[in-house]
């Protein structure tokens, strides 16, 4: 889905947490402007890779606090596979 759908929920969550947490969302590749591939469909593995790259570029940076991930339906499946793959890569390199 599109992260825009969750903007009001994300704002409320940020407020409830006293502004003490970064709340981020990423749309499925192909579901938002700038994330499209000339009308081509993205495979499940490509969606996982897309989320892994997002985490690497925006979340898993030196000095960042611990991470909590959440997803709904296929988004939960995708993010869990992305986290598992990143942990496996870290285990191979760390």
C-alpha atoms as a PDB file:
ATOM      1  CA  UNK A   1       0.000   0.000   0.000  1.00  0.00           C
ATOM      2  CA  UNK A   2       0.746   3.653   0.125  1.00  0.00           C
ATOM      3  CA  UNK A   3       2.272   5.224   3.241  1.00  0.00           C
ATOM      4  CA  UNK A   4       0.116   8.322   2.700  1.00  0.00           C
ATOM      5  CA  UNK A   5      -2.883   6.343   3.945  1.00  0.00           C
ATOM      6  CA  UNK A   6      -1.269   6.139   7.406  1.00  0.00           C
ATOM      7  CA  UNK A   7      -0.170   9.790   7.837  1.00  0.00           C
ATOM      8  CA  UNK A   8      -2.867  10.757  10.360  1.00  0.00           C
ATOM      9  CA  UNK A   9      -2.217   7.577  12.382  1.00  0.00           C
ATOM     10  CA  UNK A  10       1.530   8.253  12.327  1.00  0.00           C
ATOM     11  CA  UNK A  11       1.011  11.842  13.547  1.00  0.00           C
ATOM     12  CA  UNK A  12      -1.219  10.607  16.374  1.00  0.00           C
ATOM     13  CA  UNK A  13       1.300   7.921  17.340  1.00  0.00           C
ATOM     14  CA  UNK A  14       4.096  10.495  17.386  1.00  0.00           C
ATOM     15  CA  UNK A  15       1.981  12.743  19.624  1.00  0.00           C
ATOM     16  CA  UNK A  16       1.024   9.902  21.990  1.00  0.00           C
ATOM     17  CA  UNK A  17       4.719   9.027  22.339  1.00  0.00           C
ATOM     18  CA  UNK A  18       5.451  12.613  23.356  1.00  0.00           C
ATOM     19  CA  UNK A  19       7.471  13.316  20.231  1.00  0.00           C
ATOM     20  CA  UNK A  20      10.187  11.010  21.554  1.00  0.00           C
ATOM     21  CA  UNK A  21      10.179   8.556  18.639  1.00  0.00           C
ATOM     22  CA  UNK A  22      10.718   8.780  14.918  1.00  0.00           C
ATOM     23  CA  UNK A  23       7.698   7.393  13.109  1.00  0.00           C
ATOM     24  CA  UNK A  24       8.454   6.364   9.535  1.00  0.00           C
ATOM     25  CA  UNK A  25       6.572   4.578   6.798  1.00  0.00           C
ATOM     26  CA  UNK A  26       7.504   3.387   3.352  1.00  0.00           C
ATOM     27  CA  UNK A  27       5.103   2.607   0.542  1.00  0.00           C
ATOM     28  CA  UNK A  28       5.310  -0.596  -1.413  1.00  0.00           C
ATOM     29  CA  UNK A  29       7.466  -0.084  -4.474  1.00  0.00           C
ATOM     30  CA  UNK A  30       5.189   0.675  -7.397  1.00  0.00           C
ATOM     31  CA  UNK A  31       2.417   2.056  -5.166  1.00  0.00           C
ATOM     32  CA  UNK A  32       3.558   5.659  -4.893  1.00  0.00           C
ATOM     33  CA  UNK A  33       4.997   8.324  -7.191  1.00  0.00           C
ATOM     34  CA  UNK A  34       8.739   7.871  -7.562  1.00  0.00           C
ATOM     35  CA  UNK A  35       8.520   4.190  -6.653  1.00  0.00           C
ATOM     36  CA  UNK A  36       7.183   3.026  -9.980  1.00  0.00           C
ATOM     37  CA  UNK A  37       9.000   0.942 -12.562  1.00  0.00           C
ATOM     38  CA  UNK A  38       7.380   1.955 -15.873  1.00  0.00           C
ATOM     39  CA  UNK A  39       4.209   0.050 -15.038  1.00  0.00           C
ATOM     40  CA  UNK A  40       6.063  -3.184 -14.337  1.00  0.00           C
ATOM     41  CA  UNK A  41       5.010  -5.327 -11.414  1.00  0.00           C
ATOM     42  CA  UNK A  42       7.386  -5.780  -8.477  1.00  0.00           C
ATOM     43  CA  UNK A  43       7.931  -9.327  -7.226  1.00  0.00           C
ATOM     44  CA  UNK A  44       7.690 -10.154  -3.548  1.00  0.00           C
ATOM     45  CA  UNK A  45      11.498 -10.483  -3.411  1.00  0.00           C
ATOM     46  CA  UNK A  46      11.897  -7.066  -5.057  1.00  0.00           C
ATOM     47  CA  UNK A  47       9.583  -5.602  -2.409  1.00  0.00           C
ATOM     48  CA  UNK A  48      11.744  -7.190   0.310  1.00  0.00           C
ATOM     49  CA  UNK A  49      14.895  -5.777  -1.317  1.00  0.00           C
ATOM     50  CA  UNK A  50      13.250  -2.344  -1.543  1.00  0.00           C
ATOM     51  CA  UNK A  51      12.504  -2.363   2.212  1.00  0.00           C
ATOM     52  CA  UNK A  52      16.018  -3.597   3.012  1.00  0.00           C
ATOM     53  CA  UNK A  53      17.462  -0.684   1.068  1.00  0.00           C
ATOM     54  CA  UNK A  54      15.139   1.772   2.815  1.00  0.00           C
ATOM     55  CA  UNK A  55      16.224   0.452   6.215  1.00  0.00           C
ATOM     56  CA  UNK A  56      19.906   0.676   5.255  1.00  0.00           C
ATOM     57  CA  UNK A  57      19.617   4.235   3.950  1.00  0.00           C
ATOM     58  CA  UNK A  58      17.262   5.778   6.493  1.00  0.00           C
ATOM     59  CA  UNK A  59      17.107   3.709   9.663  1.00  0.00           C
ATOM     60  CA  UNK A  60      20.104   1.456  10.303  1.00  0.00           C
ATOM     61  CA  UNK A  61      22.598   4.281  10.670  1.00  0.00           C
ATOM     62  CA  UNK A  62      25.280   4.786  13.326  1.00  0.00           C
ATOM     63  CA  UNK A  63      23.878   6.413  16.450  1.00  0.00           C
ATOM     64  CA  UNK A  64      20.244   5.618  15.665  1.00  0.00           C
ATOM     65  CA  UNK A  65      18.117   4.250  18.503  1.00  0.00           C
ATOM     66  CA  UNK A  66      16.709   0.709  18.528  1.00  0.00           C
ATOM     67  CA  UNK A  67      14.116  -0.100  15.908  1.00  0.00           C
ATOM     68  CA  UNK A  68      10.557  -1.373  16.165  1.00  0.00           C
ATOM     69  CA  UNK A  69       8.976  -2.481  12.899  1.00  0.00           C
ATOM     70  CA  UNK A  70       5.317  -3.018  12.174  1.00  0.00           C
ATOM     71  CA  UNK A  71       3.350  -3.917   9.128  1.00  0.00           C
ATOM     72  CA  UNK A  72      -0.124  -4.862   8.053  1.00  0.00           C
ATOM     73  CA  UNK A  73      -0.980  -7.896   5.957  1.00  0.00           C
ATOM     74  CA  UNK A  74       1.559  -8.370   3.143  1.00  0.00           C
ATOM     75  CA  UNK A  75       3.533  -5.401   4.511  1.00  0.00           C
ATOM     76  CA  UNK A  76       4.163  -7.363   7.716  1.00  0.00           C
ATOM     77  CA  UNK A  77       5.347 -10.331   5.674  1.00  0.00           C
ATOM     78  CA  UNK A  78       7.668  -8.128   3.618  1.00  0.00           C
ATOM     79  CA  UNK A  79       9.235  -6.273   6.558  1.00  0.00           C
ATOM     80  CA  UNK A  80       9.778  -9.464   8.556  1.00  0.00           C
ATOM     81  CA  UNK A  81      11.621 -11.030   5.612  1.00  0.00           C
ATOM     82  CA  UNK A  82      13.631  -7.831   5.112  1.00  0.00           C
ATOM     83  CA  UNK A  83      14.697  -7.749   8.767  1.00  0.00           C
ATOM     84  CA  UNK A  84      15.562 -11.458   8.727  1.00  0.00           C
ATOM     85  CA  UNK A  85      17.699 -11.025   5.590  1.00  0.00           C
ATOM     86  CA  UNK A  86      19.482  -7.993   7.088  1.00  0.00           C
ATOM     87  CA  UNK A  87      20.189  -9.929  10.300  1.00  0.00           C
ATOM     88  CA  UNK A  88      21.584 -12.831   8.265  1.00  0.00           C
ATOM     89  CA  UNK A  89      23.810 -10.461   6.284  1.00  0.00           C
ATOM     90  CA  UNK A  90      25.019  -8.824   9.498  1.00  0.00           C
ATOM     91  CA  UNK A  91      25.817 -12.262  10.916  1.00  0.00           C
ATOM     92  CA  UNK A  92      27.911 -13.069   7.863  1.00  0.00           C
ATOM     93  CA  UNK A  93      29.787  -9.745   7.993  1.00  0.00           C
ATOM     94  CA  UNK A  94      29.814  -9.028  11.720  1.00  0.00           C
END
